[in-house]
Amino acid sequence: MAATIIPFPPLAADLAADLARQRLARALALLNEALAAQREAIGAWRQSLGEFRAVTGELGQSLGAYQTTLGDVAGKVSALNQQARTLEQWASQHTA
């Protein structure tokens, strides 16, 4: 009486291929999620750059106005300095 060997069906290869497909599908899904997050981050970054550009433009205008004001103050201080020197010379001439 000889023993009859019944071979297992070739499920191991099919199972391995199915597992590989599932892993690939999960990897692709994660990649798609990462790409969507990256697109969102780039959009937010571009919006921030636009806001930064606007704010720096306003800052430039503000600094220009400040520079003009400082120029006006410098002119007034120079005129007052000249008047003070004139008064100093007059006082020196009249007190000596």
PDB file of N, CA and C in Angstrom:
ATOM      1  N   MET A   1       0.795  -1.147   0.000  1.00  0.00           N
ATOM      2  CA  MET A   1       0.000   0.000   0.000  1.00  0.00           C
ATOM      3  C   MET A   1       0.868   1.252   0.000  1.00  0.00           C
ATOM      4  N   ALA A   2       0.775   1.913  -1.042  1.00  0.00           N
ATOM      5  CA  ALA A   2       1.587   3.116  -1.191  1.00  0.00           C
ATOM      6  C   ALA A   2       0.740   4.327  -0.827  1.00  0.00           C
ATOM      7  N   ALA A   3       1.385   5.257  -0.213  1.00  0.00           N
ATOM      8  CA  ALA A   3       0.695   6.489   0.192  1.00  0.00           C
ATOM      9  C   ALA A   3       0.574   7.421  -0.995  1.00  0.00           C
ATOM     10  N   THR A   4      -0.586   8.032  -1.110  1.00  0.00           N
ATOM     11  CA  THR A   4      -0.809   8.986  -2.188  1.00  0.00           C
ATOM     12  C   THR A   4      -0.605  10.389  -1.626  1.00  0.00           C
ATOM     13  N   ILE A   5       0.257  11.110  -2.251  1.00  0.00           N
ATOM     14  CA  ILE A   5       0.543  12.490  -1.811  1.00  0.00           C
ATOM     15  C   ILE A   5      -0.350  13.432  -2.602  1.00  0.00           C
ATOM     16  N   ILE A   6      -1.095  14.198  -1.867  1.00  0.00           N
ATOM     17  CA  ILE A   6      -1.977  15.173  -2.505  1.00  0.00           C
ATOM     18  C   ILE A   6      -1.283  16.547  -2.411  1.00  0.00           C
ATOM     19  N   PRO A   7      -0.962  17.098  -3.545  1.00  0.00           N
ATOM     20  CA  PRO A   7      -0.268  18.397  -3.494  1.00  0.00           C
ATOM     21  C   PRO A   7      -1.231  19.524  -3.092  1.00  0.00           C
ATOM     22  N   PHE A   8      -0.657  20.490  -2.371  1.00  0.00           N
ATOM     23  CA  PHE A   8      -1.444  21.678  -2.022  1.00  0.00           C
ATOM     24  C   PHE A   8      -1.651  22.511  -3.271  1.00  0.00           C
ATOM     25  N   PRO A   9      -2.743  23.182  -3.325  1.00  0.00           N
ATOM     26  CA  PRO A   9      -2.945  24.033  -4.501  1.00  0.00           C
ATOM     27  C   PRO A   9      -1.939  25.192  -4.482  1.00  0.00           C
ATOM     28  N   PRO A  10      -1.617  25.704  -5.622  1.00  0.00           N
ATOM     29  CA  PRO A  10      -0.600  26.756  -5.692  1.00  0.00           C
ATOM     30  C   PRO A  10      -1.128  28.119  -5.218  1.00  0.00           C
ATOM     31  N   LEU A  11      -1.617  28.179  -4.001  1.00  0.00           N
ATOM     32  CA  LEU A  11      -2.147  29.426  -3.449  1.00  0.00           C
ATOM     33  C   LEU A  11      -1.031  30.354  -2.966  1.00  0.00           C
ATOM     34  N   ALA A  12       0.074  29.793  -2.607  1.00  0.00           N
ATOM     35  CA  ALA A  12       1.148  30.613  -2.059  1.00  0.00           C
ATOM     36  C   ALA A  12       1.584  31.684  -3.057  1.00  0.00           C
ATOM     37  N   ALA A  13       1.734  31.325  -4.303  1.00  0.00           N
ATOM     38  CA  ALA A  13       2.149  32.295  -5.314  1.00  0.00           C
ATOM     39  C   ALA A  13       1.054  33.339  -5.546  1.00  0.00           C
ATOM     40  N   ASP A  14      -0.204  32.861  -5.621  1.00  0.00           N
ATOM     41  CA  ASP A  14      -1.314  33.796  -5.813  1.00  0.00           C
ATOM     42  C   ASP A  14      -1.463  34.727  -4.617  1.00  0.00           C
ATOM     43  N   LEU A  15      -1.273  34.177  -3.410  1.00  0.00           N
ATOM     44  CA  LEU A  15      -1.378  34.978  -2.190  1.00  0.00           C
ATOM     45  C   LEU A  15      -0.269  36.020  -2.138  1.00  0.00           C
ATOM     46  N   ALA A  16       0.933  35.622  -2.506  1.00  0.00           N
ATOM     47  CA  ALA A  16       2.058  36.564  -2.511  1.00  0.00           C
ATOM     48  C   ALA A  16       1.816  37.693  -3.517  1.00  0.00           C
ATOM     49  N   ALA A  17       1.306  37.362  -4.678  1.00  0.00           N
ATOM     50  CA  ALA A  17       1.026  38.373  -5.690  1.00  0.00           C
ATOM     51  C   ALA A  17      -0.080  39.306  -5.206  1.00  0.00           C
ATOM     52  N   ASP A  18      -1.102  38.750  -4.551  1.00  0.00           N
ATOM     53  CA  ASP A  18      -2.196  39.566  -4.031  1.00  0.00           C
ATOM     54  C   ASP A  18      -1.695  40.498  -2.928  1.00  0.00           C
ATOM     55  N   LEU A  19      -0.850  39.965  -2.047  1.00  0.00           N
ATOM     56  CA  LEU A  19      -0.273  40.807  -0.992  1.00  0.00           C
ATOM     57  C   LEU A  19       0.580  41.932  -1.588  1.00  0.00           C
ATOM     58  N   ALA A  20       1.321  41.603  -2.626  1.00  0.00           N
ATOM     59  CA  ALA A  20       2.148  42.621  -3.281  1.00  0.00           C
ATOM     60  C   ALA A  20       1.265  43.712  -3.897  1.00  0.00           C
ATOM     61  N   ARG A  21       0.148  43.318  -4.510  1.00  0.00           N
ATOM     62  CA  ARG A  21      -0.782  44.297  -5.097  1.00  0.00           C
ATOM     63  C   ARG A  21      -1.384  45.186  -4.004  1.00  0.00           C
ATOM     64  N   GLN A  22      -1.734  44.560  -2.879  1.00  0.00           N
ATOM     65  CA  GLN A  22      -2.311  45.334  -1.769  1.00  0.00           C
ATOM     66  C   GLN A  22      -1.297  46.328  -1.212  1.00  0.00           C
ATOM     67  N   ARG A  23      -0.057  45.874  -1.055  1.00  0.00           N
ATOM     68  CA  ARG A  23       0.994  46.784  -0.566  1.00  0.00           C
ATOM     69  C   ARG A  23       1.209  47.934  -1.544  1.00  0.00           C
ATOM     70  N   LEU A  24       1.214  47.622  -2.834  1.00  0.00           N
ATOM     71  CA  LEU A  24       1.388  48.658  -3.849  1.00  0.00           C
ATOM     72  C   LEU A  24       0.217  49.644  -3.810  1.00  0.00           C
ATOM     73  N   ALA A  25      -0.987  49.135  -3.666  1.00  0.00           N
ATOM     74  CA  ALA A  25      -2.167  50.002  -3.604  1.00  0.00           C
ATOM     75  C   ALA A  25      -2.098  50.925  -2.392  1.00  0.00           C
ATOM     76  N   ARG A  26      -1.671  50.383  -1.225  1.00  0.00           N
ATOM     77  CA  ARG A  26      -1.529  51.216  -0.024  1.00  0.00           C
ATOM     78  C   ARG A  26      -0.446  52.274  -0.223  1.00  0.00           C
ATOM     79  N   ALA A  27       0.660  51.870  -0.820  1.00  0.00           N
ATOM     80  CA  ALA A  27       1.758  52.809  -1.064  1.00  0.00           C
ATOM     81  C   ALA A  27       1.315  53.930  -2.006  1.00  0.00           C
ATOM     82  N   LEU A  28       0.583  53.584  -3.052  1.00  0.00           N
ATOM     83  CA  LEU A  28       0.104  54.599  -3.991  1.00  0.00           C
ATOM     84  C   LEU A  28      -0.903  55.535  -3.332  1.00  0.00           C
ATOM     85  N   ALA A  29      -1.765  54.983  -2.473  1.00  0.00           N
ATOM     86  CA  ALA A  29      -2.734  55.821  -1.755  1.00  0.00           C
ATOM     87  C   ALA A  29      -2.008  56.803  -0.835  1.00  0.00           C
ATOM     88  N   LEU A  30      -0.992  56.317  -0.123  1.00  0.00           N
ATOM     89  CA  LEU A  30      -0.212  57.205   0.752  1.00  0.00           C
ATOM     90  C   LEU A  30       0.535  58.266  -0.054  1.00  0.00           C
ATOM     91  N   LEU A  31       1.036  57.874  -1.214  1.00  0.00           N
ATOM     92  CA  LEU A  31       1.721  58.826  -2.072  1.00  0.00           C
ATOM     93  C   LEU A  31       0.761  59.910  -2.557  1.00  0.00           C
ATOM     94  N   ASN A  32      -0.447  59.506  -2.940  1.00  0.00           N
ATOM     95  CA  ASN A  32      -1.451  60.485  -3.366  1.00  0.00           C
ATOM     96  C   ASN A  32      -1.809  61.443  -2.234  1.00  0.00           C
ATOM     97  N   GLU A  33      -1.917  60.919  -1.017  1.00  0.00           N
ATOM     98  CA  GLU A  33      -2.194  61.777   0.137  1.00  0.00           C
ATOM     99  C   GLU A  33      -1.052  62.765   0.366  1.00  0.00           C
ATOM    100  N   ALA A  34       0.170  62.282   0.255  1.00  0.00           N
ATOM    101  CA  ALA A  34       1.337  63.151   0.444  1.00  0.00           C
ATOM    102  C   ALA A  34       1.384  64.233  -0.629  1.00  0.00           C
ATOM    103  N   LEU A  35       1.084  63.868  -1.859  1.00  0.00           N
ATOM    104  CA  LEU A  35       1.079  64.857  -2.939  1.00  0.00           C
ATOM    105  C   LEU A  35      -0.012  65.904  -2.724  1.00  0.00           C
ATOM    106  N   ALA A  36      -1.169  65.484  -2.249  1.00  0.00           N
ATOM    107  CA  ALA A  36      -2.254  66.432  -1.971  1.00  0.00           C
ATOM    108  C   ALA A  36      -1.847  67.384  -0.847  1.00  0.00           C
ATOM    109  N   ALA A  37      -1.211  66.854   0.189  1.00  0.00           N
ATOM    110  CA  ALA A  37      -0.736  67.706   1.302  1.00  0.00           C
ATOM    111  C   ALA A  37       0.333  68.669   0.807  1.00  0.00           C
ATOM    112  N   GLN A  38       1.199  68.200  -0.077  1.00  0.00           N
ATOM    113  CA  GLN A  38       2.249  69.063  -0.613  1.00  0.00           C
ATOM    114  C   GLN A  38       1.639  70.175  -1.470  1.00  0.00           C
ATOM    115  N   ARG A  39       0.641  69.852  -2.287  1.00  0.00           N
ATOM    116  CA  ARG A  39      -0.033  70.880  -3.091  1.00  0.00           C
ATOM    117  C   ARG A  39      -0.658  71.937  -2.189  1.00  0.00           C
ATOM    118  N   GLU A  40      -1.289  71.482  -1.112  1.00  0.00           N
ATOM    119  CA  GLU A  40      -1.919  72.408  -0.170  1.00  0.00           C
ATOM    120  C   GLU A  40      -0.861  73.299   0.493  1.00  0.00           C
ATOM    121  N   ALA A  41       0.260  72.703   0.871  1.00  0.00           N
ATOM    122  CA  ALA A  41       1.333  73.472   1.512  1.00  0.00           C
ATOM    123  C   ALA A  41       1.922  74.490   0.544  1.00  0.00           C
ATOM    124  N   ILE A  42       2.090  74.116  -0.702  1.00  0.00           N
ATOM    125  CA  ILE A  42       2.633  75.053  -1.696  1.00  0.00           C
ATOM    126  C   ILE A  42       1.644  76.182  -1.940  1.00  0.00           C
ATOM    127  N   GLY A  43       0.365  75.880  -1.964  1.00  0.00           N
ATOM    128  CA  GLY A  43      -0.647  76.929  -2.116  1.00  0.00           C
ATOM    129  C   GLY A  43      -0.605  77.913  -0.955  1.00  0.00           C
ATOM    130  N   ALA A  44      -0.490  77.386   0.256  1.00  0.00           N
ATOM    131  CA  ALA A  44      -0.401  78.255   1.441  1.00  0.00           C
ATOM    132  C   ALA A  44       0.871  79.084   1.407  1.00  0.00           C
ATOM    133  N   TRP A  45       1.969  78.485   0.966  1.00  0.00           N
ATOM    134  CA  TRP A  45       3.245  79.194   0.860  1.00  0.00           C
ATOM    135  C   TRP A  45       3.141  80.334  -0.156  1.00  0.00           C
ATOM    136  N   ARG A  46       2.518  80.069  -1.285  1.00  0.00           N
ATOM    137  CA  ARG A  46       2.350  81.121  -2.299  1.00  0.00           C
ATOM    138  C   ARG A  46       1.476  82.249  -1.777  1.00  0.00           C
ATOM    139  N   GLN A  47       0.425  81.901  -1.044  1.00  0.00           N
ATOM    140  CA  GLN A  47      -0.433  82.925  -0.465  1.00  0.00           C
ATOM    141  C   GLN A  47       0.364  83.761   0.542  1.00  0.00           C
ATOM    142  N   SER A  48       1.188  83.111   1.337  1.00  0.00           N
ATOM    143  CA  SER A  48       2.019  83.829   2.304  1.00  0.00           C
ATOM    144  C   SER A  48       2.999  84.758   1.597  1.00  0.00           C
ATOM    145  N   LEU A  49       3.561  84.297   0.492  1.00  0.00           N
ATOM    146  CA  LEU A  49       4.463  85.158  -0.272  1.00  0.00           C
ATOM    147  C   LEU A  49       3.735  86.392  -0.795  1.00  0.00           C
ATOM    148  N   GLY A  50       2.516  86.213  -1.252  1.00  0.00           N
ATOM    149  CA  GLY A  50       1.726  87.354  -1.727  1.00  0.00           C
ATOM    150  C   GLY A  50       1.455  88.343  -0.608  1.00  0.00           C
ATOM    151  N   GLU A  51       1.090  87.826   0.561  1.00  0.00           N
ATOM    152  CA  GLU A  51       0.848  88.705   1.706  1.00  0.00           C
ATOM    153  C   GLU A  51       2.133  89.407   2.125  1.00  0.00           C
ATOM    154  N   PHE A  52       3.248  88.679   2.099  1.00  0.00           N
ATOM    155  CA  PHE A  52       4.539  89.265   2.453  1.00  0.00           C
ATOM    156  C   PHE A  52       4.897  90.392   1.481  1.00  0.00           C
ATOM    157  N   ARG A  53       4.657  90.167   0.205  1.00  0.00           N
ATOM    158  CA  ARG A  53       4.941  91.180  -0.805  1.00  0.00           C
ATOM    159  C   ARG A  53       4.109  92.439  -0.539  1.00  0.00           C
ATOM    160  N   ALA A  54       2.837  92.260  -0.208  1.00  0.00           N
ATOM    161  CA  ALA A  54       1.960  93.400   0.071  1.00  0.00           C
ATOM    162  C   ALA A  54       2.438  94.158   1.308  1.00  0.00           C
ATOM    163  N   VAL A  55       2.783  93.424   2.359  1.00  0.00           N
ATOM    164  CA  VAL A  55       3.213  94.069   3.598  1.00  0.00           C
ATOM    165  C   VAL A  55       4.538  94.800   3.404  1.00  0.00           C
ATOM    166  N   THR A  56       5.458  94.191   2.668  1.00  0.00           N
ATOM    167  CA  THR A  56       6.733  94.879   2.440  1.00  0.00           C
ATOM    168  C   THR A  56       6.537  96.109   1.557  1.00  0.00           C
ATOM    169  N   GLY A  57       5.584  96.064   0.652  1.00  0.00           N
ATOM    170  CA  GLY A  57       5.271  97.248  -0.146  1.00  0.00           C
ATOM    171  C   GLY A  57       4.739  98.371   0.725  1.00  0.00           C
ATOM    172  N   GLU A  58       3.843  98.029   1.647  1.00  0.00           N
ATOM    173  CA  GLU A  58       3.321  99.034   2.580  1.00  0.00           C
ATOM    174  C   GLU A  58       4.434  99.568   3.469  1.00  0.00           C
ATOM    175  N   LEU A  59       5.326  98.698   3.897  1.00  0.00           N
ATOM    176  CA  LEU A  59       6.456  99.119   4.717  1.00  0.00           C
ATOM    177  C   LEU A  59       7.344 100.087   3.940  1.00  0.00           C
ATOM    178  N   GLY A  60       7.570  99.802   2.671  1.00  0.00           N
ATOM    179  CA  GLY A  60       8.370 100.699   1.837  1.00  0.00           C
ATOM    180  C   GLY A  60       7.735 102.079   1.731  1.00  0.00           C
ATOM    181  N   GLN A  61       6.418 102.112   1.553  1.00  0.00           N
ATOM    182  CA  GLN A  61       5.726 103.398   1.487  1.00  0.00           C
ATOM    183  C   GLN A  61       5.831 104.133   2.814  1.00  0.00           C
ATOM    184  N   SER A  62       5.671 103.394   3.909  1.00  0.00           N
ATOM    185  CA  SER A  62       5.754 103.999   5.234  1.00  0.00           C
ATOM    186  C   SER A  62       7.152 104.555   5.483  1.00  0.00           C
ATOM    187  N   LEU A  63       8.164 103.797   5.098  1.00  0.00           N
ATOM    188  CA  LEU A  63       9.541 104.279   5.277  1.00  0.00           C
ATOM    189  C   LEU A  63       9.818 105.493   4.399  1.00  0.00           C
ATOM    190  N   GLY A  64       9.259 105.524   3.212  1.00  0.00           N
ATOM    191  CA  GLY A  64       9.415 106.695   2.345  1.00  0.00           C
ATOM    192  C   GLY A  64       8.803 107.933   2.978  1.00  0.00           C
ATOM    193  N   ALA A  65       7.614 107.779   3.553  1.00  0.00           N
ATOM    194  CA  ALA A  65       6.967 108.906   4.241  1.00  0.00           C
ATOM    195  C   ALA A  65       7.788 109.330   5.453  1.00  0.00           C
ATOM    196  N   TYR A  66       8.321 108.365   6.180  1.00  0.00           N
ATOM    197  CA  TYR A  66       9.156 108.666   7.347  1.00  0.00           C
ATOM    198  C   TYR A  66      10.413 109.417   6.920  1.00  0.00           C
ATOM    199  N   GLN A  67      11.013 109.007   5.826  1.00  0.00           N
ATOM    200  CA  GLN A  67      12.212 109.680   5.321  1.00  0.00           C
ATOM    201  C   GLN A  67      11.887 111.120   4.935  1.00  0.00           C
ATOM    202  N   THR A  68      10.739 111.338   4.301  1.00  0.00           N
ATOM    203  CA  THR A  68      10.326 112.690   3.943  1.00  0.00           C
ATOM    204  C   THR A  68      10.146 113.547   5.195  1.00  0.00           C
ATOM    205  N   THR A  69       9.501 112.983   6.211  1.00  0.00           N
ATOM    206  CA  THR A  69       9.292 113.699   7.466  1.00  0.00           C
ATOM    207  C   THR A  69      10.631 114.031   8.122  1.00  0.00           C
ATOM    208  N   LEU A  70      11.553 113.066   8.102  1.00  0.00           N
ATOM    209  CA  LEU A  70      12.874 113.321   8.680  1.00  0.00           C
ATOM    210  C   LEU A  70      13.604 114.421   7.915  1.00  0.00           C
ATOM    211  N   GLY A  71      13.429 114.456   6.609  1.00  0.00           N
ATOM    212  CA  GLY A  71      14.031 115.525   5.811  1.00  0.00           C
ATOM    213  C   GLY A  71      13.464 116.882   6.199  1.00  0.00           C
ATOM    214  N   ASP A  72      12.146 116.938   6.408  1.00  0.00           N
ATOM    215  CA  ASP A  72      11.521 118.191   6.847  1.00  0.00           C
ATOM    216  C   ASP A  72      12.047 118.620   8.210  1.00  0.00           C
ATOM    217  N   VAL A  73      12.141 117.674   9.125  1.00  0.00           N
ATOM    218  CA  VAL A  73      12.653 117.976  10.467  1.00  0.00           C
ATOM    219  C   VAL A  73      14.106 118.443  10.372  1.00  0.00           C
ATOM    220  N   ALA A  74      14.900 117.794   9.545  1.00  0.00           N
ATOM    221  CA  ALA A  74      16.300 118.195   9.389  1.00  0.00           C
ATOM    222  C   ALA A  74      16.394 119.631   8.873  1.00  0.00           C
ATOM    223  N   GLY A  75      15.524 119.992   7.936  1.00  0.00           N
ATOM    224  CA  GLY A  75      15.525 121.374   7.425  1.00  0.00           C
ATOM    225  C   GLY A  75      15.159 122.361   8.512  1.00  0.00           C
ATOM    226  N   LYS A  76      14.169 122.034   9.332  1.00  0.00           N
ATOM    227  CA  LYS A  76      13.759 122.919  10.424  1.00  0.00           C
ATOM    228  C   LYS A  76      14.854 123.043  11.477  1.00  0.00           C
ATOM    229  N   VAL A  77      15.487 121.935  11.819  1.00  0.00           N
ATOM    230  CA  VAL A  77      16.578 121.958  12.796  1.00  0.00           C
ATOM    231  C   VAL A  77      17.738 122.789  12.269  1.00  0.00           C
ATOM    232  N   SER A  78      18.039 122.652  10.998  1.00  0.00           N
ATOM    233  CA  SER A  78      19.116 123.438  10.391  1.00  0.00           C
ATOM    234  C   SER A  78      18.788 124.936  10.445  1.00  0.00           C
ATOM    235  N   ALA A  79      17.541 125.280  10.157  1.00  0.00           N
ATOM    236  CA  ALA A  79      17.136 126.695  10.217  1.00  0.00           C
ATOM    237  C   ALA A  79      17.223 127.214  11.646  1.00  0.00           C
ATOM    238  N   LEU A  80      16.760 126.415  12.616  1.00  0.00           N
ATOM    239  CA  LEU A  80      16.856 126.823  14.020  1.00  0.00           C
ATOM    240  C   LEU A  80      18.305 126.947  14.460  1.00  0.00           C
ATOM    241  N   ASN A  81      19.150 126.057  13.996  1.00  0.00           N
ATOM    242  CA  ASN A  81      20.575 126.125  14.327  1.00  0.00           C
ATOM    243  C   ASN A  81      21.180 127.419  13.778  1.00  0.00           C
ATOM    244  N   GLN A  82      20.805 127.761  12.574  1.00  0.00           N
ATOM    245  CA  GLN A  82      21.324 129.006  11.966  1.00  0.00           C
ATOM    246  C   GLN A  82      20.838 130.212  12.763  1.00  0.00           C
ATOM    247  N   GLN A  83      19.581 130.219  13.168  1.00  0.00           N
ATOM    248  CA  GLN A  83      19.057 131.331  13.981  1.00  0.00           C
ATOM    249  C   GLN A  83      19.785 131.405  15.321  1.00  0.00           C
ATOM    250  N   ALA A  84      20.057 130.264  15.937  1.00  0.00           N
ATOM    251  CA  ALA A  84      20.764 130.246  17.212  1.00  0.00           C
ATOM    252  C   ALA A  84      22.170 130.797  17.052  1.00  0.00           C
ATOM    253  N   ARG A  85      22.855 130.467  15.989  1.00  0.00           N
ATOM    254  CA  ARG A  85      24.213 130.992  15.751  1.00  0.00           C
ATOM    255  C   ARG A  85      24.169 132.499  15.500  1.00  0.00           C
ATOM    256  N   THR A  86      23.151 132.936  14.765  1.00  0.00           N
ATOM    257  CA  THR A  86      23.008 134.372  14.515  1.00  0.00           C
ATOM    258  C   THR A  86      22.773 135.120  15.824  1.00  0.00           C
ATOM    259  N   LEU A  87      21.896 134.586  16.668  1.00  0.00           N
ATOM    260  CA  LEU A  87      21.648 135.203  17.974  1.00  0.00           C
ATOM    261  C   LEU A  87      22.898 135.172  18.850  1.00  0.00           C
ATOM    262  N   GLU A  88      23.650 134.080  18.772  1.00  0.00           N
ATOM    263  CA  GLU A  88      24.887 133.974  19.539  1.00  0.00           C
ATOM    264  C   GLU A  88      25.884 135.042  19.106  1.00  0.00           C
ATOM    265  N   GLN A  89      26.028 135.246  17.806  1.00  0.00           N
ATOM    266  CA  GLN A  89      26.940 136.279  17.303  1.00  0.00           C
ATOM    267  C   GLN A  89      26.471 137.676  17.709  1.00  0.00           C
ATOM    268  N   TRP A  90      25.170 137.901  17.627  1.00  0.00           N
ATOM    269  CA  TRP A  90      24.630 139.210  18.011  1.00  0.00           C
ATOM    270  C   TRP A  90      24.883 139.487  19.491  1.00  0.00           C
ATOM    271  N   ALA A  91      24.649 138.425  20.311  1.00  0.00           N
ATOM    272  CA  ALA A  91      24.862 138.578  21.766  1.00  0.00           C
ATOM    273  C   ALA A  91      26.325 138.817  22.052  1.00  0.00           C
ATOM    274  N   SER A  92      27.208 138.132  21.354  1.00  0.00           N
ATOM    275  CA  SER A  92      28.643 138.319  21.567  1.00  0.00           C
ATOM    276  C   SER A  92      29.075 139.738  21.213  1.00  0.00           C
ATOM    277  N   GLN A  93      28.500 140.276  20.145  1.00  0.00           N
ATOM    278  CA  GLN A  93      28.856 141.643  19.718  1.00  0.00           C
ATOM    279  C   GLN A  93      28.326 142.684  20.671  1.00  0.00           C
ATOM    280  N   HIS A  94      27.186 142.455  21.267  1.00  0.00           N
ATOM    281  CA  HIS A  94      26.553 143.472  22.100  1.00  0.00           C
ATOM    282  C   HIS A  94      26.907 143.360  23.579  1.00  0.00           C
ATOM    283  N   THR A  95      27.540 142.283  23.962  1.00  0.00           N
ATOM    284  CA  THR A  95      27.924 142.151  25.368  1.00  0.00           C
ATOM    285  C   THR A  95      29.402 142.391  25.568  1.00  0.00           C
ATOM    286  N   ALA A  96      30.156 142.522  24.536  1.00  0.00           N
ATOM    287  CA  ALA A  96      31.602 142.703  24.680  1.00  0.00           C
ATOM    288  C   ALA A  96      31.997 144.143  24.853  1.00  0.00           C
TER     289      ALA A  96
END
